[in-house]
Amino acid sequence: MGDIRDAKRTRQRILNAAAREFSSKGFDGTTMLGISARAKVSKQLTTHHFGTKEKLFEQVLDLKFRPLLEAQQNATPCAPADLFAERFKNRAGYVDYVRFLTWEAASGRRAALPGHSARKRRTASLGEALQGMQKAGEVPAELDHTMIQLAILALATYPVAFGQMTRLVTGHAPSDPVFQRKWYDFLHYAGERLLTVKKRTK
């Protein structure tokens, strides 16, 4: 039993270290040696537990970032006015994942993204939800749902990913509750103006 508990603790330590490495250096900049050094284990032990960097990343994506991804997948608000604001609220709570996305974009990677299939499914789920809202007459049908989705992701992610720009423009860090409240309110206002269907008066 002691060996099993030790193995579980070791795996968790490696997963925690890998999440930090991927977030701070991106997928391409992260090495199994660097993860092992952060976890204070041998590279051989990391390889024994997870095999390759790709497989380890998939485990990190599933176990460490899954709460964020599932929350995003399940949190499409009923009110179209909240689409921008609620996604930002969710993103602001997972800075490590946003940092990973920033590093991933900076790498210029042209090959398939790590964890591509699962990420594609989650991305498609929001697009399907938006199309459903359009068919129900809740979101303007004349707007391209893919452009709405891209706007949601951009407005939710940019202030967190580029904190230096947020500080230059607003004087606040993206983690500052004052900024988060103001940006949330602004995004709600934008959502009301752009994404809600005005009811016709008789």
C-alpha atoms as a PDB file:
ATOM      1  CA  MET A   1       0.000   0.000   0.000  1.00  0.00           C
ATOM      2  CA  GLY A   2       2.862   2.349   0.814  1.00  0.00           C
ATOM      3  CA  ASP A   3       4.385   1.859  -2.663  1.00  0.00           C
ATOM      4  CA  ILE A   4       1.025   2.610  -4.312  1.00  0.00           C
ATOM      5  CA  ARG A   5       0.580   5.795  -2.283  1.00  0.00           C
ATOM      6  CA  ASP A   6       4.131   6.871  -3.103  1.00  0.00           C
ATOM      7  CA  ALA A   7       3.539   6.245  -6.812  1.00  0.00           C
ATOM      8  CA  LYS A   8       0.349   8.329  -6.727  1.00  0.00           C
ATOM      9  CA  ARG A   9       2.101  11.161  -4.927  1.00  0.00           C
ATOM     10  CA  THR A  10       4.953  11.028  -7.441  1.00  0.00           C
ATOM     11  CA  ARG A  11       2.561  11.143 -10.390  1.00  0.00           C
ATOM     12  CA  GLN A  12       0.726  14.094  -8.855  1.00  0.00           C
ATOM     13  CA  ARG A  13       3.992  15.917  -8.223  1.00  0.00           C
ATOM     14  CA  ILE A  14       5.012  15.391 -11.847  1.00  0.00           C
ATOM     15  CA  LEU A  15       1.601  16.566 -13.087  1.00  0.00           C
ATOM     16  CA  ASN A  16       1.804  19.716 -10.960  1.00  0.00           C
ATOM     17  CA  ALA A  17       5.319  20.415 -12.205  1.00  0.00           C
ATOM     18  CA  ALA A  18       4.300  19.786 -15.816  1.00  0.00           C
ATOM     19  CA  ALA A  19       1.349  22.184 -15.550  1.00  0.00           C
ATOM     20  CA  ARG A  20       3.686  24.929 -14.320  1.00  0.00           C
ATOM     21  CA  GLU A  21       6.270  24.212 -17.015  1.00  0.00           C
ATOM     22  CA  PHE A  22       3.718  24.151 -19.839  1.00  0.00           C
ATOM     23  CA  SER A  23       2.163  27.370 -18.531  1.00  0.00           C
ATOM     24  CA  SER A  24       5.457  29.226 -18.184  1.00  0.00           C
ATOM     25  CA  LYS A  25       7.274  27.916 -21.289  1.00  0.00           C
ATOM     26  CA  GLY A  26       4.626  26.597 -23.659  1.00  0.00           C
ATOM     27  CA  PHE A  27       4.514  23.100 -25.122  1.00  0.00           C
ATOM     28  CA  ASP A  28       7.500  23.510 -27.432  1.00  0.00           C
ATOM     29  CA  GLY A  29       9.668  25.161 -24.779  1.00  0.00           C
ATOM     30  CA  THR A  30       8.963  22.500 -22.166  1.00  0.00           C
ATOM     31  CA  THR A  31      11.182  19.441 -21.817  1.00  0.00           C
ATOM     32  CA  MET A  32      10.808  16.236 -19.870  1.00  0.00           C
ATOM     33  CA  LEU A  33      14.096  17.093 -18.166  1.00  0.00           C
ATOM     34  CA  GLY A  34      12.755  20.473 -17.046  1.00  0.00           C
ATOM     35  CA  ILE A  35       9.557  18.918 -15.728  1.00  0.00           C
ATOM     36  CA  SER A  36      11.554  16.310 -13.845  1.00  0.00           C
ATOM     37  CA  ALA A  37      13.817  18.933 -12.313  1.00  0.00           C
ATOM     38  CA  ARG A  38      10.833  20.978 -11.130  1.00  0.00           C
ATOM     39  CA  ALA A  39       9.201  17.835  -9.704  1.00  0.00           C
ATOM     40  CA  LYS A  40      12.516  16.779  -8.105  1.00  0.00           C
ATOM     41  CA  VAL A  41      12.440  13.336  -9.721  1.00  0.00           C
ATOM     42  CA  SER A  42      14.588  11.670 -12.358  1.00  0.00           C
ATOM     43  CA  LYS A  43      13.738  11.993 -16.028  1.00  0.00           C
ATOM     44  CA  GLN A  44      13.567   8.215 -16.169  1.00  0.00           C
ATOM     45  CA  LEU A  45      10.845   8.205 -13.522  1.00  0.00           C
ATOM     46  CA  THR A  46       8.837  10.844 -15.401  1.00  0.00           C
ATOM     47  CA  THR A  47       9.131   8.787 -18.580  1.00  0.00           C
ATOM     48  CA  HIS A  48       8.164   5.634 -16.681  1.00  0.00           C
ATOM     49  CA  HIS A  49       4.922   7.219 -15.459  1.00  0.00           C
ATOM     50  CA  PHE A  50       3.890   9.148 -18.588  1.00  0.00           C
ATOM     51  CA  GLY A  51       5.928   7.952 -21.568  1.00  0.00           C
ATOM     52  CA  THR A  52       6.267  11.006 -23.809  1.00  0.00           C
ATOM     53  CA  LYS A  53       5.852  14.745 -23.439  1.00  0.00           C
ATOM     54  CA  GLU A  54       2.747  14.580 -25.653  1.00  0.00           C
ATOM     55  CA  LYS A  55       1.116  11.984 -23.414  1.00  0.00           C
ATOM     56  CA  LEU A  56       2.054  13.942 -20.295  1.00  0.00           C
ATOM     57  CA  PHE A  57       0.541  17.095 -21.783  1.00  0.00           C
ATOM     58  CA  GLU A  58      -2.702  15.256 -22.530  1.00  0.00           C
ATOM     59  CA  GLN A  59      -2.813  14.176 -18.882  1.00  0.00           C
ATOM     60  CA  VAL A  60      -2.206  17.767 -17.734  1.00  0.00           C
ATOM     61  CA  LEU A  61      -4.888  19.033 -20.099  1.00  0.00           C
ATOM     62  CA  ASP A  62      -7.324  16.448 -18.799  1.00  0.00           C
ATOM     63  CA  LEU A  63      -6.563  16.558 -15.074  1.00  0.00           C
ATOM     64  CA  LYS A  64      -5.228  20.053 -14.358  1.00  0.00           C
ATOM     65  CA  PHE A  65      -7.061  22.192 -16.926  1.00  0.00           C
ATOM     66  CA  ARG A  66     -10.232  20.091 -17.170  1.00  0.00           C
ATOM     67  CA  PRO A  67     -12.160  22.109 -14.528  1.00  0.00           C
ATOM     68  CA  LEU A  68     -11.747  25.235 -16.664  1.00  0.00           C
ATOM     69  CA  LEU A  69     -12.556  23.467 -19.921  1.00  0.00           C
ATOM     70  CA  GLU A  70     -15.620  21.722 -18.515  1.00  0.00           C
ATOM     71  CA  ALA A  71     -16.834  24.934 -16.919  1.00  0.00           C
ATOM     72  CA  GLN A  72     -16.549  26.664 -20.273  1.00  0.00           C
ATOM     73  CA  GLN A  73     -18.314  23.840 -22.056  1.00  0.00           C
ATOM     74  CA  ASN A  74     -21.183  23.736 -19.586  1.00  0.00           C
ATOM     75  CA  ALA A  75     -21.512  27.433 -18.803  1.00  0.00           C
ATOM     76  CA  THR A  76     -23.083  28.861 -21.939  1.00  0.00           C
ATOM     77  CA  PRO A  77     -25.405  31.389 -20.269  1.00  0.00           C
ATOM     78  CA  CYS A  78     -29.102  31.496 -21.005  1.00  0.00           C
ATOM     79  CA  ALA A  79     -28.881  35.252 -21.552  1.00  0.00           C
ATOM     80  CA  PRO A  80     -26.982  36.237 -24.714  1.00  0.00           C
ATOM     81  CA  ALA A  81     -25.938  39.479 -23.001  1.00  0.00           C
ATOM     82  CA  ASP A  82     -23.745  37.431 -20.658  1.00  0.00           C
ATOM     83  CA  LEU A  83     -21.806  35.505 -23.317  1.00  0.00           C
ATOM     84  CA  PHE A  84     -18.803  37.845 -23.306  1.00  0.00           C
ATOM     85  CA  ALA A  85     -18.759  38.631 -19.590  1.00  0.00           C
ATOM     86  CA  GLU A  86     -19.192  35.116 -18.240  1.00  0.00           C
ATOM     87  CA  ARG A  87     -16.439  33.705 -20.423  1.00  0.00           C
ATOM     88  CA  PHE A  88     -14.082  36.413 -19.142  1.00  0.00           C
ATOM     89  CA  LYS A  89     -15.047  35.632 -15.534  1.00  0.00           C
ATOM     90  CA  ASN A  90     -14.188  31.999 -16.173  1.00  0.00           C
ATOM     91  CA  ARG A  91     -10.906  32.764 -17.943  1.00  0.00           C
ATOM     92  CA  ALA A  92      -9.735  35.167 -15.214  1.00  0.00           C
ATOM     93  CA  GLY A  93      -9.767  32.301 -12.726  1.00  0.00           C
ATOM     94  CA  TYR A  94      -7.326  30.163 -14.705  1.00  0.00           C
ATOM     95  CA  VAL A  95      -4.315  32.329 -15.469  1.00  0.00           C
ATOM     96  CA  ASP A  96      -1.997  29.329 -15.951  1.00  0.00           C
ATOM     97  CA  TYR A  97      -4.116  28.047 -18.831  1.00  0.00           C
ATOM     98  CA  VAL A  98      -4.194  31.474 -20.468  1.00  0.00           C
ATOM     99  CA  ARG A  99      -0.400  31.680 -20.156  1.00  0.00           C
ATOM    100  CA  PHE A 100      -0.118  28.304 -21.818  1.00  0.00           C
ATOM    101  CA  LEU A 101      -2.295  29.483 -24.721  1.00  0.00           C
ATOM    102  CA  THR A 102      -0.105  32.579 -25.096  1.00  0.00           C
ATOM    103  CA  TRP A 103       3.083  30.519 -25.263  1.00  0.00           C
ATOM    104  CA  GLU A 104       1.457  28.097 -27.659  1.00  0.00           C
ATOM    105  CA  ALA A 105       0.499  30.939 -30.003  1.00  0.00           C
ATOM    106  CA  ALA A 106       3.984  32.466 -29.815  1.00  0.00           C
ATOM    107  CA  SER A 107       5.598  29.176 -30.840  1.00  0.00           C
ATOM    108  CA  GLY A 108       4.181  29.464 -34.363  1.00  0.00           C
ATOM    109  CA  ARG A 109       3.412  25.752 -34.294  1.00  0.00           C
ATOM    110  CA  ARG A 110       1.975  24.532 -37.610  1.00  0.00           C
ATOM    111  CA  ALA A 111       1.592  20.883 -36.687  1.00  0.00           C
ATOM    112  CA  ALA A 112      -1.505  19.560 -34.950  1.00  0.00           C
ATOM    113  CA  LEU A 113      -2.033  21.084 -31.520  1.00  0.00           C
ATOM    114  CA  PRO A 114      -1.383  18.801 -28.532  1.00  0.00           C
ATOM    115  CA  GLY A 115      -4.698  17.422 -27.330  1.00  0.00           C
ATOM    116  CA  HIS A 116      -6.219  18.598 -30.631  1.00  0.00           C
ATOM    117  CA  SER A 117      -9.208  16.241 -30.763  1.00  0.00           C
ATOM    118  CA  ALA A 118     -10.504  17.026 -27.267  1.00  0.00           C
ATOM    119  CA  ARG A 119      -9.947  20.762 -27.729  1.00  0.00           C
ATOM    120  CA  LYS A 120     -11.723  20.698 -31.094  1.00  0.00           C
ATOM    121  CA  ARG A 121     -14.746  18.998 -29.534  1.00  0.00           C
ATOM    122  CA  ARG A 122     -14.957  21.592 -26.764  1.00  0.00           C
ATOM    123  CA  THR A 123     -14.608  24.441 -29.245  1.00  0.00           C
ATOM    124  CA  ALA A 124     -17.304  22.958 -31.464  1.00  0.00           C
ATOM    125  CA  SER A 125     -19.716  22.688 -28.522  1.00  0.00           C
ATOM    126  CA  LEU A 126     -19.784  26.474 -28.069  1.00  0.00           C
ATOM    127  CA  GLY A 127     -20.322  26.978 -31.800  1.00  0.00           C
ATOM    128  CA  GLU A 128     -23.244  24.559 -31.715  1.00  0.00           C
ATOM    129  CA  ALA A 129     -24.724  26.346 -28.697  1.00  0.00           C
ATOM    130  CA  LEU A 130     -24.493  29.694 -30.494  1.00  0.00           C
ATOM    131  CA  GLN A 131     -26.187  28.282 -33.582  1.00  0.00           C
ATOM    132  CA  GLY A 132     -28.933  26.929 -31.354  1.00  0.00           C
ATOM    133  CA  MET A 133     -29.445  30.353 -29.802  1.00  0.00           C
ATOM    134  CA  GLN A 134     -29.655  31.886 -33.261  1.00  0.00           C
ATOM    135  CA  LYS A 135     -32.261  29.364 -34.394  1.00  0.00           C
ATOM    136  CA  ALA A 136     -34.260  30.118 -31.240  1.00  0.00           C
ATOM    137  CA  GLY A 137     -34.222  33.824 -32.087  1.00  0.00           C
ATOM    138  CA  GLU A 138     -32.139  34.722 -29.042  1.00  0.00           C
ATOM    139  CA  VAL A 139     -29.007  35.890 -30.911  1.00  0.00           C
ATOM    140  CA  PRO A 140     -29.110  37.889 -34.178  1.00  0.00           C
ATOM    141  CA  ALA A 141     -29.203  35.391 -37.041  1.00  0.00           C
ATOM    142  CA  GLU A 142     -27.358  37.742 -39.411  1.00  0.00           C
ATOM    143  CA  LEU A 143     -24.154  37.454 -37.361  1.00  0.00           C
ATOM    144  CA  ASP A 144     -21.733  34.697 -38.341  1.00  0.00           C
ATOM    145  CA  HIS A 145     -21.654  32.360 -35.340  1.00  0.00           C
ATOM    146  CA  THR A 146     -17.933  31.665 -35.855  1.00  0.00           C
ATOM    147  CA  MET A 147     -17.196  35.400 -35.598  1.00  0.00           C
ATOM    148  CA  ILE A 148     -19.276  35.617 -32.425  1.00  0.00           C
ATOM    149  CA  GLN A 149     -17.312  32.722 -30.963  1.00  0.00           C
ATOM    150  CA  LEU A 150     -13.987  34.301 -31.885  1.00  0.00           C
ATOM    151  CA  ALA A 151     -15.089  37.613 -30.330  1.00  0.00           C
ATOM    152  CA  ILE A 152     -16.065  35.813 -27.113  1.00  0.00           C
ATOM    153  CA  LEU A 153     -12.680  34.108 -26.888  1.00  0.00           C
ATOM    154  CA  ALA A 154     -10.745  37.273 -27.745  1.00  0.00           C
ATOM    155  CA  LEU A 155     -12.552  39.578 -25.322  1.00  0.00           C
ATOM    156  CA  ALA A 156     -12.301  37.021 -22.531  1.00  0.00           C
ATOM    157  CA  THR A 157      -8.655  36.156 -23.055  1.00  0.00           C
ATOM    158  CA  TYR A 158      -6.755  39.248 -24.222  1.00  0.00           C
ATOM    159  CA  PRO A 159      -6.737  41.275 -20.961  1.00  0.00           C
ATOM    160  CA  VAL A 160      -5.499  38.226 -19.033  1.00  0.00           C
ATOM    161  CA  ALA A 161      -2.980  37.044 -21.625  1.00  0.00           C
ATOM    162  CA  PHE A 162      -1.497  40.503 -22.180  1.00  0.00           C
ATOM    163  CA  GLY A 163      -1.488  41.885 -18.671  1.00  0.00           C
ATOM    164  CA  GLN A 164       1.120  44.495 -19.568  1.00  0.00           C
ATOM    165  CA  MET A 165      -1.302  46.087 -22.048  1.00  0.00           C
ATOM    166  CA  THR A 166      -4.122  45.948 -19.512  1.00  0.00           C
ATOM    167  CA  ARG A 167      -1.917  47.798 -17.012  1.00  0.00           C
ATOM    168  CA  LEU A 168      -0.789  50.377 -19.608  1.00  0.00           C
ATOM    169  CA  VAL A 169      -4.333  51.157 -20.716  1.00  0.00           C
ATOM    170  CA  THR A 170      -6.259  50.940 -17.444  1.00  0.00           C
ATOM    171  CA  GLY A 171      -3.634  51.297 -14.722  1.00  0.00           C
ATOM    172  CA  HIS A 172      -4.807  47.993 -13.238  1.00  0.00           C
ATOM    173  CA  ALA A 173      -3.451  44.461 -13.360  1.00  0.00           C
ATOM    174  CA  PRO A 174      -5.848  41.912 -14.889  1.00  0.00           C
ATOM    175  CA  SER A 175      -6.007  40.209 -11.479  1.00  0.00           C
ATOM    176  CA  ASP A 176      -7.191  43.429  -9.811  1.00  0.00           C
ATOM    177  CA  PRO A 177     -10.827  43.025  -8.684  1.00  0.00           C
ATOM    178  CA  VAL A 178     -11.491  46.650  -9.661  1.00  0.00           C
ATOM    179  CA  PHE A 179     -10.455  45.964 -13.255  1.00  0.00           C
ATOM    180  CA  GLN A 180     -12.302  42.655 -13.374  1.00  0.00           C
ATOM    181  CA  ARG A 181     -15.531  44.286 -12.218  1.00  0.00           C
ATOM    182  CA  LYS A 182     -15.235  47.110 -14.756  1.00  0.00           C
ATOM    183  CA  TRP A 183     -14.380  44.776 -17.621  1.00  0.00           C
ATOM    184  CA  TYR A 184     -17.173  42.373 -16.680  1.00  0.00           C
ATOM    185  CA  ASP A 185     -19.686  45.240 -16.666  1.00  0.00           C
ATOM    186  CA  PHE A 186     -18.357  46.561 -19.981  1.00  0.00           C
ATOM    187  CA  LEU A 187     -18.609  43.121 -21.586  1.00  0.00           C
ATOM    188  CA  HIS A 188     -22.162  42.729 -20.302  1.00  0.00           C
ATOM    189  CA  TYR A 189     -23.036  46.105 -21.835  1.00  0.00           C
ATOM    190  CA  ALA A 190     -21.409  45.074 -25.144  1.00  0.00           C
ATOM    191  CA  GLY A 191     -23.261  41.777 -25.093  1.00  0.00           C
ATOM    192  CA  GLU A 192     -26.572  43.541 -24.556  1.00  0.00           C
ATOM    193  CA  ARG A 193     -25.951  45.829 -27.537  1.00  0.00           C
ATOM    194  CA  LEU A 194     -24.479  43.275 -29.920  1.00  0.00           C
ATOM    195  CA  LEU A 195     -25.882  39.868 -29.094  1.00  0.00           C
ATOM    196  CA  THR A 196     -29.464  40.424 -27.969  1.00  0.00           C
ATOM    197  CA  VAL A 197     -32.415  40.452 -30.331  1.00  0.00           C
ATOM    198  CA  LYS A 198     -34.648  43.451 -29.860  1.00  0.00           C
ATOM    199  CA  LYS A 199     -38.265  42.518 -29.458  1.00  0.00           C
ATOM    200  CA  ARG A 200     -40.573  44.112 -31.944  1.00  0.00           C
ATOM    201  CA  THR A 201     -43.266  46.337 -30.539  1.00  0.00           C
ATOM    202  CA  LYS A 202     -46.740  45.926 -31.944  1.00  0.00           C
END
